[in-house]
C-alpha cells in the first residue's frame, strides 16, 4: 500500500511537472510573439543624386537595366507623381531632413562658401529626421554625400569652396558617419569616418557607389560595433552617381551600350541636340556633354547593382522583412530634353523623382498617384514607423502614412516648384504642378517675368508652352500661385 501510494504521488508530481512546463512554455511563446509584434522596423533610406524617375527600368522609358529597384517597386509602394520641389542637391536634402520648405530652412541653393554668410546651410537647431529617430531608440548612420554644411565664407572674387567637414555636433544624431560634404570624385572618393578629425580623410580607389555598398554591408554585419545591436537602425545612404561627371563609371557597366551613341539611347520626343537659349532658365551644355548619355545610363545600371548587393545582405542577415527600404533621388536630369542639361527646372525630367517605399512585413504592393512633396517624406515615414505623435510641430510636410493601409487621406492638389537663387539674382523662379498642369514663372533682376504653362494631360512631354492662349486659365494660374506662396510666407 505504501508503494502504491508512493507511485500515485510520483505520477501526480510528474504530471504537475509536465503541466508546469506546458504553462511556462506557453508563457515564453506568448512573450516571443509579443516581442515580435512590438519590434520596431529598421530604416534604410537610399537616395541617388541626379537620378530621374524615367530611369526606373520597369517604367520602360529610359533604356536602363534596374532589376533590383524594379523588384522593390513590384513588392512595395511606388509613388508615380513624386517630385523634388527644389530640384537641386542641398535644398532637397534640407527638405528631406527637416520636413520643411526651402524658404523656411534657408537652404535655397547648393551649399558653398559664397552662400554660407547668407545662411544657406542646415542649421544646428533644426530638428531633423535622424534626431527624432535617435530620440526614440534608434541607432542612426549616414553614408555618402552630405552637402548640407556651409564652408567658411569667401568673398565673391575668391574661388568658392564646395566641400567641408561636418563636425560631430552638427550631425543631428548620426552616431555612425562615413561621409563627405560634396565632391565629384566617383572613381577616387574620400570620406570622413565617425571619429576622424578635419584633416583625417580616408581615400579610396574604387567606384564610390560600390565602396559605399561595402561599407553598408559591413554596417549590417556589425562586426566592428558600428551600431548598437540592441537597437533598430536608421541608415541613410546618399549615392553620388549618376551625378556628373557621367564618364566616371566602371567599364563593366558601359558594356551594355557598346557601339551605341547618345542618339541611339535618347528616345524621348522632347530631346533636342542643340542648346535651347529661348528658355529663360536652365543649364546649357547639350552640344558639349550630351554624347555622355550612355555613361549616365551605365551609372544608373551600376547604382542598381550596388543596391542589389545591399538587399542581398539584408536577406542573408534576416533583416529584409522588417526593414523599411526607401529609394528616392535629389532631383532628375534633363539630358537634352527641351535642349537643356541637368536640373533646377520645372520640366519632368528634372522635377519628377523616384519614390519607392518597401515594407513587405506590413505594407501591400501598389502604385499611388498622390502629389507627394519632399517635406512630406519625413512625417509620412515617421507615421509608418509608428511615430506619428513624435513628428516635430515645425514640420511643414504632411503625414500621409494612412495611404499605406488604404485609409483615406486629404490628397494635395498642388506641388510647389521652387527655383532657388532668391539671393543670387538671375533666374529666380516659382511655380506649381497639379494633376493636369505645370506652371512656372521666371523673374529676372530687372523685373521681367517669363511664364511657362504646360497641359501635362494632353502634352506629357511638355513640348508646347500654352501661356497666352487662354486668358482665363492664365489668370487662374497666377492667382493660385500667389495664394500658394502667401500661405508659405514667401514674399516672392
Protein backbone atom coordinates (compact mmCIF):
# COMPACT_ATOMS: atom_id res chain seq x y z
CA UNK A 1 0.00 0.00 0.00
CA UNK A 2 2.82 2.28 0.77
CA UNK A 3 4.36 1.52 -2.63
CA UNK A 4 1.11 2.21 -4.44
CA UNK A 5 0.65 5.48 -2.59
CA UNK A 6 4.20 6.49 -3.39
CA UNK A 7 3.65 5.58 -7.03
CA UNK A 8 0.49 7.70 -7.17
CA UNK A 9 2.39 10.56 -5.58
CA UNK A 10 5.22 10.25 -8.10
CA UNK A 11 2.75 10.17 -11.01
CA UNK A 12 0.98 13.22 -9.61
CA UNK A 13 4.29 15.05 -9.21
CA UNK A 14 5.33 14.08 -12.74
CA UNK A 15 2.02 15.31 -14.19
CA UNK A 16 2.28 18.55 -12.29
CA UNK A 17 5.84 18.99 -13.57
CA UNK A 18 4.69 18.42 -17.17
CA UNK A 19 1.78 20.81 -16.66
CA UNK A 20 4.16 23.42 -15.24
CA UNK A 21 6.46 23.01 -18.26
CA UNK A 22 3.49 23.47 -20.60
CA UNK A 23 2.42 26.62 -18.78
CA UNK A 24 5.95 28.02 -18.80
CA UNK A 25 6.45 27.20 -22.47
CA UNK A 26 3.13 28.87 -23.31
CA UNK A 27 4.22 31.91 -21.38
CA UNK A 28 7.52 32.01 -23.22
CA UNK A 29 5.75 31.63 -26.55
CA UNK A 30 3.40 34.49 -25.69
CA UNK A 31 6.36 36.64 -24.73
CA UNK A 32 8.13 35.88 -28.03
CA UNK A 33 5.03 36.77 -30.06
CA UNK A 34 4.58 39.97 -28.11
CA UNK A 35 8.21 40.93 -28.69
CA UNK A 36 7.90 40.24 -32.42
CA UNK A 37 4.73 42.28 -32.65
CA UNK A 38 6.37 45.19 -30.87
CA UNK A 39 9.63 45.03 -32.83
CA UNK A 40 10.40 48.37 -34.44
CA UNK A 41 11.34 48.32 -38.12
CA UNK A 42 14.77 49.28 -39.34
CA UNK A 43 15.02 52.03 -41.95
CA UNK A 44 17.30 52.13 -44.99
CA UNK A 45 16.74 55.40 -46.85
CA UNK A 46 18.63 55.45 -50.17
CA UNK A 47 18.77 58.46 -52.45
CA UNK A 48 20.82 58.70 -55.62
CA UNK A 49 21.92 62.09 -56.90
CA UNK A 50 20.50 63.27 -60.23
CA UNK A 51 18.53 60.05 -60.79
CA UNK A 52 15.42 60.88 -62.82
CA UNK A 53 12.19 58.94 -62.48
CA UNK A 54 12.27 57.90 -66.14
CA UNK A 55 15.38 55.85 -65.33
CA UNK A 56 13.43 53.26 -63.36
CA UNK A 57 13.58 50.25 -65.66
CA UNK A 58 10.06 48.98 -65.06
CA UNK A 59 8.62 52.22 -66.46
CA UNK A 60 10.16 51.31 -69.83
CA UNK A 61 11.09 54.89 -70.63
CA UNK A 62 14.90 55.13 -70.49
CA UNK A 63 16.97 52.17 -71.81
CA UNK A 64 18.23 51.08 -68.39
CA UNK A 65 18.59 47.80 -66.53
CA UNK A 66 17.39 48.09 -62.91
CA UNK A 67 16.16 44.66 -61.76
CA UNK A 68 16.68 45.35 -58.05
CA UNK A 69 14.74 48.61 -58.00
CA UNK A 70 12.11 47.02 -60.23
CA UNK A 71 11.62 44.30 -57.63
CA UNK A 72 11.42 46.84 -54.80
CA UNK A 73 8.70 48.70 -56.70
CA UNK A 74 6.88 45.46 -57.51
CA UNK A 75 6.87 44.44 -53.85
CA UNK A 76 6.39 47.92 -52.40
CA UNK A 77 4.56 51.20 -52.95
CA UNK A 78 5.58 53.21 -55.99
CA UNK A 79 4.66 56.90 -55.84
CA UNK A 80 4.29 57.77 -59.50
CA UNK A 81 3.92 61.55 -59.06
CA UNK A 82 6.70 62.35 -56.58
CA UNK A 83 8.72 65.50 -57.31
CA UNK A 84 11.73 67.32 -55.96
CA UNK A 85 10.17 70.68 -55.08
CA UNK A 86 13.50 72.49 -55.37
CA UNK A 87 15.35 70.19 -57.81
CA UNK A 88 18.86 70.74 -56.53
CA UNK A 89 21.13 68.73 -54.16
CA UNK A 90 21.28 70.79 -50.95
CA UNK A 91 17.67 72.07 -50.98
CA UNK A 92 16.34 68.52 -51.41
CA UNK A 93 18.46 67.26 -48.54
CA UNK A 94 17.34 70.04 -46.22
CA UNK A 95 13.69 69.35 -47.07
CA UNK A 96 14.20 65.62 -46.51
CA UNK A 97 15.91 66.05 -43.16
CA UNK A 98 13.63 68.74 -41.71
CA UNK A 99 10.25 68.23 -43.40
CA UNK A 100 10.31 71.96 -44.20
CA UNK A 101 10.40 74.00 -47.40
CA UNK A 102 13.45 75.97 -48.63
CA UNK A 103 12.05 79.37 -47.68
CA UNK A 104 11.89 78.09 -44.06
CA UNK A 105 15.22 76.28 -43.85
CA UNK A 106 17.13 78.96 -45.79
CA UNK A 107 18.71 76.25 -47.96
CA UNK A 108 17.51 77.53 -51.32
CA UNK A 109 20.64 76.74 -53.33
CA UNK A 110 23.59 74.37 -53.15
CA UNK A 111 25.83 74.95 -50.15
CA UNK A 112 29.19 76.57 -50.86
CA UNK A 113 31.46 79.20 -49.31
CA UNK A 114 29.87 82.14 -51.15
CA UNK A 115 26.44 81.32 -49.71
CA UNK A 116 27.37 80.48 -46.13
CA UNK A 117 27.15 84.10 -44.93
CA UNK A 118 23.64 84.20 -46.37
CA UNK A 119 22.52 81.30 -44.17
CA UNK A 120 22.43 78.70 -46.95
CA UNK A 121 23.21 75.63 -44.80
CA UNK A 122 21.43 73.24 -42.44
CA UNK A 123 21.11 74.94 -39.06
CA UNK A 124 22.31 73.25 -35.91
CA UNK A 125 18.99 73.82 -34.12
CA UNK A 126 16.81 72.19 -36.80
CA UNK A 127 15.03 69.06 -35.59
CA UNK A 128 15.91 66.50 -38.24
CA UNK A 129 14.55 63.13 -39.28
CA UNK A 130 17.54 61.48 -37.61
CA UNK A 131 17.12 63.47 -34.40
CA UNK A 132 13.59 62.12 -33.98
CA UNK A 133 14.63 58.53 -34.62
CA UNK A 134 17.60 58.66 -32.24
CA UNK A 135 15.40 60.23 -29.56
CA UNK A 136 13.11 57.23 -29.95
CA UNK A 137 15.67 54.49 -29.58
CA UNK A 138 17.32 54.18 -32.99
CA UNK A 139 20.97 53.81 -33.89
CA UNK A 140 21.46 56.17 -36.84
CA UNK A 141 24.10 56.14 -39.56
CA UNK A 142 24.92 58.21 -42.62
CA UNK A 143 26.94 57.07 -45.65
CA UNK A 144 27.89 59.12 -48.72
CA UNK A 145 27.32 62.70 -49.81
CA UNK A 146 26.03 65.12 -47.15
CA UNK A 147 26.22 68.58 -48.79
CA UNK A 148 24.36 70.44 -46.06
CA UNK A 149 27.13 72.35 -44.29
CA UNK A 150 28.47 75.77 -45.15
CA UNK A 151 32.23 76.09 -45.73
CA UNK A 152 33.97 79.13 -44.28
CA UNK A 153 32.69 82.19 -46.20
CA UNK A 154 34.74 83.54 -49.09
CA UNK A 155 34.39 86.89 -50.90
CA UNK A 156 32.79 86.94 -54.37
CA UNK A 157 36.14 87.45 -56.09
CA UNK A 158 37.69 84.34 -54.48
CA UNK A 159 37.10 80.87 -55.89
CA UNK A 160 34.25 79.27 -53.99
CA UNK A 161 34.79 76.24 -51.76
CA UNK A 162 32.29 73.40 -52.01
CA UNK A 163 33.37 70.66 -49.65
CA UNK A 164 33.67 70.87 -45.90
CA UNK A 165 33.97 68.61 -42.87
CA UNK A 166 30.89 68.11 -40.73
CA UNK A 167 31.84 68.13 -37.03
CA UNK A 168 30.06 65.61 -34.74
CA UNK A 169 27.95 68.29 -33.05
CA UNK A 170 26.34 69.13 -36.41
CA UNK A 171 25.48 65.57 -37.43
CA UNK A 172 21.99 65.55 -35.97
CA UNK A 173 22.23 62.30 -34.05
CA UNK A 174 24.10 60.21 -36.62
CA UNK A 175 26.48 58.13 -34.48
CA UNK A 176 27.93 56.26 -37.47
CA UNK A 177 29.43 58.61 -40.05
CA UNK A 178 31.11 57.69 -43.33
CA UNK A 179 30.56 60.77 -45.42
CA UNK A 180 31.88 63.85 -47.18
CA UNK A 181 30.38 67.25 -47.89
CA UNK A 182 30.42 67.26 -51.68
CA UNK A 183 32.85 66.25 -54.38
CA UNK A 184 32.59 64.56 -57.74
CA UNK A 185 35.37 62.00 -57.37
CA UNK A 186 33.31 58.93 -58.25
CA UNK A 187 36.34 56.77 -59.06
CA UNK A 188 38.62 58.02 -56.27
CA UNK A 189 36.37 59.26 -53.45
CA UNK A 190 37.36 60.29 -49.95
CA UNK A 191 35.38 60.22 -46.73
CA UNK A 192 35.47 61.36 -43.13
CA UNK A 193 34.81 58.49 -40.75
CA UNK A 194 32.97 58.75 -37.44
CA UNK A 195 35.92 59.75 -35.28
CA UNK A 196 38.10 61.39 -37.95
CA UNK A 197 39.28 64.94 -37.47
CA UNK A 198 39.04 67.56 -40.19
CA UNK A 199 42.48 66.74 -41.58
CA UNK A 200 41.93 62.95 -41.49
CA UNK A 201 40.31 61.93 -44.76
CA UNK A 202 40.11 58.33 -45.90
CA UNK A 203 40.96 57.99 -49.61
CA UNK A 204 39.55 55.09 -51.60
CA UNK A 205 40.42 53.73 -55.05
CA UNK A 206 37.06 52.25 -56.01
CA UNK A 207 33.82 53.49 -57.60
CA UNK A 208 32.03 55.38 -54.82
CA UNK A 209 28.72 53.53 -55.07
CA UNK A 210 30.47 50.17 -54.86
CA UNK A 211 32.67 51.18 -51.94
CA UNK A 212 29.70 52.61 -50.04
CA UNK A 213 27.81 49.35 -50.58
CA UNK A 214 30.83 47.59 -48.99
CA UNK A 215 30.62 49.97 -46.01
CA UNK A 216 26.89 49.35 -45.60
CA UNK A 217 27.28 45.58 -45.82
CA UNK A 218 29.87 45.83 -43.04
CA UNK A 219 27.49 48.04 -41.08
CA UNK A 220 24.81 45.36 -41.35
CA UNK A 221 27.28 42.70 -40.20
CA UNK A 222 28.17 44.99 -37.27
CA UNK A 223 31.40 43.13 -36.55
CA UNK A 224 33.11 46.35 -35.50
CA UNK A 225 30.19 47.65 -33.41
CA UNK A 226 29.21 50.28 -35.99
CA UNK A 227 25.78 50.39 -34.36
CA UNK A 228 24.11 49.30 -31.15
CA UNK A 229 22.98 45.71 -31.68
CA UNK A 230 20.09 46.05 -29.24
CA UNK A 231 18.57 48.99 -31.14
CA UNK A 232 16.88 49.16 -34.54
CA UNK A 233 18.94 51.07 -37.11
CA UNK A 234 18.15 54.02 -39.36
CA UNK A 235 20.70 54.23 -42.15
CA UNK A 236 20.72 56.99 -44.78
CA UNK A 237 22.73 56.26 -47.93
CA UNK A 238 23.37 59.13 -50.32
CA UNK A 239 24.83 57.83 -53.61
CA UNK A 240 26.54 60.44 -55.79
CA UNK A 241 26.29 58.69 -59.20
CA UNK A 242 24.61 59.14 -61.64
CA UNK A 243 25.51 62.79 -60.90
CA UNK A 244 28.16 64.36 -63.13
CA UNK A 245 30.83 63.63 -64.21
CA UNK A 246 28.98 60.92 -66.11
CA UNK A 247 32.20 59.48 -67.56
CA UNK A 248 33.35 58.26 -64.15
CA UNK A 249 31.65 54.87 -64.29
CA UNK A 250 33.18 51.36 -64.33
CA UNK A 251 33.73 49.84 -67.76
CA UNK A 252 31.64 46.77 -66.90
CA UNK A 253 28.51 48.93 -66.81
CA UNK A 254 29.37 50.65 -70.06
CA UNK A 255 29.36 47.38 -71.99
CA UNK A 256 25.58 47.29 -72.22
CA UNK A 257 25.79 50.34 -74.52
CA UNK A 258 28.80 49.24 -76.53
CA UNK A 259 28.54 50.50 -80.10
CA UNK A 260 25.65 52.86 -79.27
CA UNK A 261 25.67 56.66 -79.39
CA UNK A 262 23.60 59.18 -77.45
CA UNK A 263 21.22 59.39 -80.42
CA UNK A 264 20.52 55.68 -80.08
CA UNK A 265 19.57 55.86 -76.40
CA UNK A 266 17.79 59.21 -76.06
CA UNK A 267 14.30 58.21 -77.10
CA UNK A 268 12.20 60.98 -75.56
CA UNK A 269 10.44 63.10 -78.21
CA UNK A 270 11.39 66.36 -76.45
CA UNK A 271 15.15 65.78 -76.76
CA UNK A 272 17.00 68.49 -78.66
CA UNK A 273 20.59 68.04 -79.76
CA UNK A 274 21.32 71.76 -79.64
CA UNK A 275 21.27 74.17 -76.69
CA UNK A 276 17.96 75.95 -76.15
CA UNK A 277 18.57 79.61 -75.35
CA UNK A 278 14.91 80.60 -75.70
CA UNK A 279 14.09 79.29 -72.23
CA UNK A 280 14.95 81.83 -69.53
CA UNK A 281 16.17 79.23 -67.06
CA UNK A 282 18.14 76.01 -67.18
CA UNK A 283 21.63 74.63 -67.79
CA UNK A 284 23.17 74.55 -71.23
CA UNK A 285 25.93 72.28 -72.43
CA UNK A 286 23.87 69.93 -74.59
CA UNK A 287 26.24 70.21 -77.53
CA UNK A 288 29.30 69.58 -75.32
CA UNK A 289 28.01 66.86 -72.99
CA UNK A 290 25.06 65.04 -74.49
CA UNK A 291 27.31 62.39 -76.00
CA UNK A 292 27.76 61.15 -72.39
CA UNK A 293 24.14 59.95 -72.21
CA UNK A 294 25.21 56.30 -72.43
CA UNK A 295 27.50 56.85 -69.44
CA UNK A 296 24.60 58.31 -67.46
CA UNK A 297 22.52 55.21 -68.13
CA UNK A 298 25.52 52.99 -67.35
CA UNK A 299 25.77 54.72 -63.94
CA UNK A 300 22.08 54.08 -63.34
CA UNK A 301 22.65 50.39 -64.00
CA UNK A 302 25.64 50.40 -61.65
CA UNK A 303 23.71 52.07 -58.85
CA UNK A 304 21.02 49.40 -59.13
CA UNK A 305 23.68 46.68 -58.99
CA UNK A 306 25.14 48.04 -55.76
CA UNK A 307 21.72 48.45 -54.17
CA UNK A 308 21.14 44.81 -55.07
CA UNK A 309 24.24 43.79 -53.12
CA UNK A 310 22.93 45.56 -50.01
CA UNK A 311 19.49 44.00 -50.39
CA UNK A 312 21.10 40.55 -50.67
CA UNK A 313 22.89 41.18 -47.38
CA UNK A 314 19.66 42.28 -45.70
CA UNK A 315 18.09 38.99 -46.77
CA UNK A 316 21.07 36.92 -45.69
CA UNK A 317 21.04 38.61 -42.27
CA UNK A 318 17.29 38.06 -41.82
CA UNK A 319 16.63 41.82 -41.81
CA UNK A 320 14.81 42.22 -45.12
CA UNK A 321 11.21 41.72 -43.97
CA UNK A 322 11.48 44.13 -41.07
CA UNK A 323 13.45 46.87 -42.82
CA UNK A 324 11.66 49.76 -44.50
CA UNK A 325 13.63 50.44 -47.68
CA UNK A 326 13.05 53.78 -49.36
CA UNK A 327 14.54 54.73 -52.70
CA UNK A 328 14.43 58.31 -53.95
CA UNK A 329 16.64 60.98 -55.55
CA UNK A 330 17.74 64.59 -55.02
CA UNK A 331 16.36 65.53 -58.44
CA UNK A 332 16.44 64.31 -62.02
CA UNK A 333 18.48 65.05 -65.13
CA UNK A 334 17.31 66.83 -68.29
CA UNK A 335 19.79 65.00 -70.56
CA UNK A 336 18.89 67.04 -73.65
CA UNK A 337 15.14 67.27 -73.09
CA UNK A 338 13.96 70.78 -74.00
CA UNK A 339 17.53 71.44 -75.18
CA UNK A 340 18.80 71.58 -71.57
CA UNK A 341 21.14 69.66 -69.32
CA UNK A 342 20.96 68.78 -65.64
CA UNK A 343 18.48 70.20 -63.11
CA UNK A 344 16.80 73.09 -61.27
CA UNK A 345 13.90 73.49 -63.71
CA UNK A 346 10.21 72.54 -63.63
CA UNK A 347 10.31 70.07 -66.52
CA UNK A 348 9.52 66.47 -65.62
CA UNK A 349 12.98 65.12 -66.41
CA UNK A 350 14.49 67.28 -63.64
CA UNK A 351 11.44 67.67 -61.39
CA UNK A 352 9.97 64.14 -61.13
CA UNK A 353 11.93 61.71 -59.00
CA UNK A 354 11.71 58.07 -57.98
CA UNK A 355 9.98 57.25 -54.72
CA UNK A 356 9.56 53.64 -53.66
CA UNK A 357 8.67 52.55 -50.12
CA UNK A 358 9.19 48.85 -49.47
CA UNK A 359 7.97 47.26 -46.23
CA UNK A 360 6.64 43.76 -47.01
CA UNK A 361 6.03 42.92 -43.36
CA UNK A 362 3.15 45.39 -43.14
CA UNK A 363 2.53 47.16 -46.46
CA UNK A 364 0.97 45.58 -49.54
CA UNK A 365 2.33 46.43 -53.01
CA UNK A 366 0.58 49.15 -55.00
CA UNK A 367 1.04 52.24 -57.13
CA UNK A 368 -0.20 55.58 -55.81
CA UNK A 369 -0.51 58.85 -57.73
CA UNK A 370 -0.74 61.19 -54.73
CA UNK A 371 1.02 64.54 -55.35
CA UNK A 372 3.68 63.94 -52.74
CA UNK A 373 6.31 66.61 -51.95
CA UNK A 374 9.73 66.15 -50.33
CA UNK A 375 8.73 67.74 -46.97
CA UNK A 376 6.06 65.02 -46.73
CA UNK A 377 8.64 62.23 -46.67
CA UNK A 378 9.82 62.70 -43.09
CA UNK A 379 6.37 62.85 -41.42
CA UNK A 380 4.97 60.09 -43.65
CA UNK A 381 7.80 57.64 -42.91
CA UNK A 382 7.70 58.53 -39.21
CA UNK A 383 3.97 57.82 -39.32
CA UNK A 384 4.60 54.46 -40.98
CA UNK A 385 7.11 53.63 -38.24
CA UNK A 386 4.54 54.38 -35.53
CA UNK A 387 5.90 57.78 -34.54
CA UNK A 388 3.04 59.98 -35.72
CA UNK A 389 2.92 61.61 -32.29
CA UNK A 390 6.65 62.37 -32.45
CA UNK A 391 6.55 64.49 -35.62
CA UNK A 392 8.00 67.91 -34.71
CA UNK A 393 5.49 70.76 -34.74
CA UNK A 394 7.85 72.73 -37.01
CA UNK A 395 7.38 70.22 -39.85
CA UNK A 396 5.53 71.71 -42.84
CA UNK A 397 5.00 68.48 -44.75
CA UNK A 398 2.04 66.20 -44.10
CA UNK A 399 1.84 62.68 -42.70
CA UNK A 400 0.25 60.50 -45.38
CA UNK A 401 1.05 57.17 -43.71
CA UNK A 402 -2.62 56.13 -43.75
CA UNK A 403 -2.47 55.65 -47.50
CA UNK A 404 -0.13 52.67 -46.97
CA UNK A 405 -3.09 50.90 -45.39
CA UNK A 406 -5.72 52.10 -47.88
CA UNK A 407 -7.20 54.58 -45.44
CA UNK A 408 -8.50 57.89 -46.82
CA UNK A 409 -6.22 60.94 -46.73
CA UNK A 410 -6.72 64.54 -47.82
CA UNK A 411 -4.84 64.49 -51.09
CA UNK A 412 -2.98 67.67 -52.00
CA UNK A 413 -3.93 69.45 -55.22
CA UNK A 414 -0.53 71.06 -55.87
CA UNK A 415 3.20 70.50 -55.60
CA UNK A 416 5.37 73.58 -55.20
CA UNK A 417 8.16 74.30 -57.65
CA UNK A 418 10.82 76.48 -56.04
CA UNK A 419 13.66 77.68 -58.25
CA UNK A 420 16.29 78.95 -55.80
CA UNK A 421 18.59 81.86 -56.45
CA UNK A 422 16.47 84.11 -54.27
CA UNK A 423 19.66 85.80 -53.15
CA UNK A 424 21.86 85.08 -56.15
CA UNK A 425 19.80 87.16 -58.56
CA UNK A 426 19.26 85.98 -62.12
CA UNK A 427 16.58 83.42 -62.88
CA UNK A 428 14.65 83.27 -59.60
CA UNK A 429 11.54 81.13 -60.22
CA UNK A 430 8.37 79.82 -58.61
CA UNK A 431 5.57 77.59 -59.78
CA UNK A 432 3.42 74.57 -59.05
CA UNK A 433 2.18 71.35 -60.54
CA UNK A 434 -1.30 69.80 -60.49
CA UNK A 435 -2.59 66.55 -61.97
CA UNK A 436 -3.21 68.40 -65.25
CA UNK A 437 -0.83 71.36 -65.47
CA UNK A 438 2.69 72.56 -64.76
CA UNK A 439 3.07 76.31 -64.30
CA UNK A 440 6.26 78.28 -63.64
CA UNK A 441 7.31 81.92 -63.64
CA UNK A 442 10.91 83.06 -64.05
CA UNK A 443 11.71 86.53 -62.70
CA UNK A 444 14.90 88.41 -63.59
CA UNK A 445 16.57 91.18 -61.61
CA UNK A 446 15.16 93.86 -63.88
CA UNK A 447 11.62 92.75 -63.01
CA UNK A 448 10.92 90.92 -66.27
CA UNK A 449 8.72 87.86 -65.89
CA UNK A 450 8.54 84.86 -68.19
CA UNK A 451 5.61 82.46 -67.88
CA UNK A 452 5.60 78.76 -68.74
CA UNK A 453 2.42 76.71 -68.75
CA UNK A 454 2.03 73.12 -69.93
CA UNK A 455 -1.05 70.94 -70.28
CA UNK A 456 0.52 67.75 -68.97
CA UNK A 457 -2.59 65.68 -69.60
CA UNK A 458 -2.57 66.44 -73.33
CA UNK A 459 1.14 67.15 -73.73
CA UNK A 460 3.02 64.74 -71.40
CA UNK A 461 6.44 65.70 -72.76
CA UNK A 462 5.75 69.42 -72.22
CA UNK A 463 6.65 70.40 -75.75
CA UNK A 464 4.29 73.38 -76.07
CA UNK A 465 4.09 76.41 -73.77
CA UNK A 466 0.39 77.35 -73.84
CA UNK A 467 0.76 80.55 -71.81
CA UNK A 468 -1.18 83.34 -73.52
CA UNK A 469 -3.66 81.06 -75.31
CA UNK A 470 -6.38 81.20 -72.65
CA UNK A 471 -6.61 84.39 -70.59
CA UNK A 472 -8.96 82.83 -68.04
CA UNK A 473 -6.60 79.90 -67.46
CA UNK A 474 -3.61 82.23 -67.25
CA UNK A 475 -5.30 84.36 -64.58
CA UNK A 476 -6.29 81.25 -62.65
CA UNK A 477 -2.68 80.03 -62.60
CA UNK A 478 -1.32 83.40 -61.46
CA UNK A 479 -3.93 83.72 -58.73
CA UNK A 480 -3.35 80.21 -57.41
CA UNK A 481 0.42 80.65 -57.37
CA UNK A 482 0.08 83.92 -55.43
CA UNK A 483 -2.17 82.22 -52.89
CA UNK A 484 0.22 79.28 -52.52
CA UNK A 485 3.24 81.49 -51.91
CA UNK A 486 1.32 83.72 -49.48
CA UNK A 487 0.35 80.64 -47.47
CA UNK A 488 4.07 79.79 -47.23
CA UNK A 489 5.16 83.30 -46.24
CA UNK A 490 7.14 83.58 -49.46
CA UNK A 491 7.34 87.24 -50.41
CA UNK A 492 8.48 86.44 -53.94
